Amino acid sequence: MTYWDPIPTVRALVGQPHPLWRGDRVSRDWSAPAPDGWEQRDWRSVPGPFYAANSDNCLTGRQCAPDHVMYDDGYGSEFVYRRPRTPAEVHALTCAAECEPFGAYGGDGDAHWTPELVRD
């Protein structure tokens, strides 16, 4: 199995019209750390670059990326349960990140995952 790096696709979106929207531009580089940082990521996040840290409970993520975002607690905190494997899936996940009111998503997870964390 080969690892497909979604980060170039994410970075190419910055400042451009989002492929899933009409005219609105992507506001930030979603390959950067989450505002609350890696340490605050939801423990249920799957290994890979993307994660959510202290997201709100507006339940917007699955509207954009139902194949990648889930909330499974009483508060509706979002987490990334499946990594994107194509540009279209990256577009869906960045849509979820853009719609999350606190911008709680990060994309620097690959710099932090260790074999021990994956096993945990």
Protein backbone atom coordinates (compact mmCIF):
# COMPACT_ATOMS: atom_id res chain seq x y z
CA MET A 1 0.00 0.00 0.00
CA THR A 2 1.34 3.43 -0.93
CA TYR A 3 0.88 6.57 1.12
CA TRP A 4 -0.74 9.38 -0.86
CA ASP A 5 0.24 12.77 0.54
CA PRO A 6 -2.81 15.09 0.64
CA ILE A 7 -0.85 18.14 1.81
CA PRO A 8 0.04 19.51 -1.68
CA THR A 9 -3.67 19.43 -2.56
CA VAL A 10 -4.55 21.29 0.66
CA ARG A 11 -1.91 23.95 0.10
CA ALA A 12 -3.00 24.48 -3.51
CA LEU A 13 -6.49 25.42 -2.25
CA VAL A 14 -5.39 28.35 -0.08
CA GLY A 15 -6.86 31.59 -1.41
CA GLN A 16 -8.56 29.79 -4.28
CA PRO A 17 -12.28 29.25 -4.80
CA HIS A 18 -13.20 26.01 -3.07
CA PRO A 19 -14.22 23.35 -5.63
CA LEU A 20 -17.38 22.54 -3.65
CA TRP A 21 -18.59 26.12 -3.25
CA ARG A 22 -19.63 28.96 -5.50
CA GLY A 23 -17.06 31.72 -5.34
CA ASP A 24 -16.00 31.49 -1.67
CA ARG A 25 -12.26 31.14 -1.25
CA VAL A 26 -10.41 28.85 1.12
CA SER A 27 -9.44 31.05 4.05
CA ARG A 28 -6.47 29.23 5.54
CA ASP A 29 -3.81 26.61 5.01
CA TRP A 30 -5.35 23.52 6.57
CA SER A 31 -1.97 21.76 6.61
CA ALA A 32 -1.01 23.95 9.59
CA PRO A 33 -1.49 22.97 13.25
CA ALA A 34 -4.94 23.23 14.80
CA PRO A 35 -5.40 26.43 16.83
CA ASP A 36 -5.56 24.42 20.07
CA GLY A 37 -2.63 22.27 19.01
CA TRP A 38 -1.84 18.62 18.48
CA GLU A 39 -2.01 17.87 22.20
CA GLN A 40 -5.72 18.73 22.25
CA ARG A 41 -6.66 16.49 19.31
CA ASP A 42 -9.59 14.17 19.72
CA TRP A 43 -8.16 10.79 20.72
CA ARG A 44 -10.38 9.07 18.16
CA SER A 45 -8.62 10.71 15.20
CA VAL A 46 -7.15 8.22 12.76
CA PRO A 47 -3.38 8.42 12.10
CA GLY A 48 -2.63 10.80 9.27
CA PRO A 49 -2.18 14.51 8.74
CA PHE A 50 -5.70 15.70 9.62
CA TYR A 51 -7.32 15.89 13.04
CA ALA A 52 -9.74 18.04 15.03
CA ALA A 53 -8.87 19.58 18.39
CA ASN A 54 -11.60 20.99 20.63
CA SER A 55 -14.18 21.32 17.90
CA ASP A 56 -17.61 22.74 18.70
CA ASN A 57 -20.91 20.91 18.64
CA CYS A 58 -22.54 22.45 15.56
CA LEU A 59 -22.43 19.08 13.79
CA THR A 60 -21.33 20.58 10.48
CA GLY A 61 -18.46 18.24 9.56
CA ARG A 62 -20.50 15.31 8.28
CA GLN A 63 -22.51 17.61 6.03
CA CYS A 64 -19.31 18.26 4.06
CA ALA A 65 -17.33 15.07 4.61
CA PRO A 66 -19.55 12.19 5.74
CA ASP A 67 -16.91 9.65 4.71
CA HIS A 68 -14.23 11.29 6.85
CA VAL A 69 -15.74 13.13 9.82
CA MET A 70 -17.68 11.67 12.70
CA TYR A 71 -19.06 12.78 16.05
CA ASP A 72 -19.88 10.08 18.51
CA ASP A 73 -20.38 11.70 21.88
CA GLY A 74 -23.01 13.77 23.66
CA TYR A 75 -21.24 17.00 22.72
CA GLY A 76 -20.88 16.48 18.99
CA SER A 77 -17.11 16.96 19.00
CA GLU A 78 -15.80 16.21 15.52
CA PHE A 79 -12.94 13.88 14.68
CA VAL A 80 -11.39 12.57 11.47
CA TYR A 81 -12.01 8.84 11.26
CA ARG A 82 -10.76 8.22 7.72
CA ARG A 83 -7.88 9.80 5.81
CA PRO A 84 -8.55 11.34 2.39
CA ARG A 85 -7.16 9.35 -0.53
CA THR A 86 -8.01 11.60 -3.47
CA PRO A 87 -8.16 15.33 -4.21
CA ALA A 88 -11.98 15.19 -4.08
CA GLU A 89 -11.82 13.71 -0.58
CA VAL A 90 -9.37 16.45 0.48
CA HIS A 91 -11.84 19.01 -0.84
CA ALA A 92 -14.60 17.47 1.30
CA LEU A 93 -12.41 17.48 4.41
CA THR A 94 -11.29 21.08 3.90
CA CYS A 95 -14.95 22.01 3.49
CA ALA A 96 -15.60 20.48 6.94
CA ALA A 97 -12.63 22.39 8.37
CA GLU A 98 -13.78 25.68 6.85
CA CYS A 99 -17.32 25.20 8.21
CA GLU A 100 -16.20 24.40 11.76
CA PRO A 101 -16.80 27.70 13.63
CA PHE A 102 -13.60 27.57 15.67
CA GLY A 103 -11.33 26.37 12.86
CA ALA A 104 -10.43 23.44 15.10
CA TYR A 105 -8.86 21.32 12.38
CA GLY A 106 -5.17 20.78 11.86
CA GLY A 107 -3.12 19.12 9.14
CA ASP A 108 0.27 18.61 10.75
CA GLY A 109 -0.51 15.21 12.25
CA ASP A 110 2.11 13.34 10.23
CA ALA A 111 4.79 15.31 12.09
CA HIS A 112 3.49 13.95 15.42
CA TRP A 113 2.32 10.36 14.97
CA THR A 114 4.66 7.76 16.39
CA PRO A 115 4.36 3.96 16.34
CA GLU A 116 3.44 4.11 20.03
CA LEU A 117 0.61 6.59 19.46
CA VAL A 118 -0.72 4.50 16.58
CA ARG A 119 -0.73 1.42 18.80
CA ASP A 120 -2.52 3.32 21.58
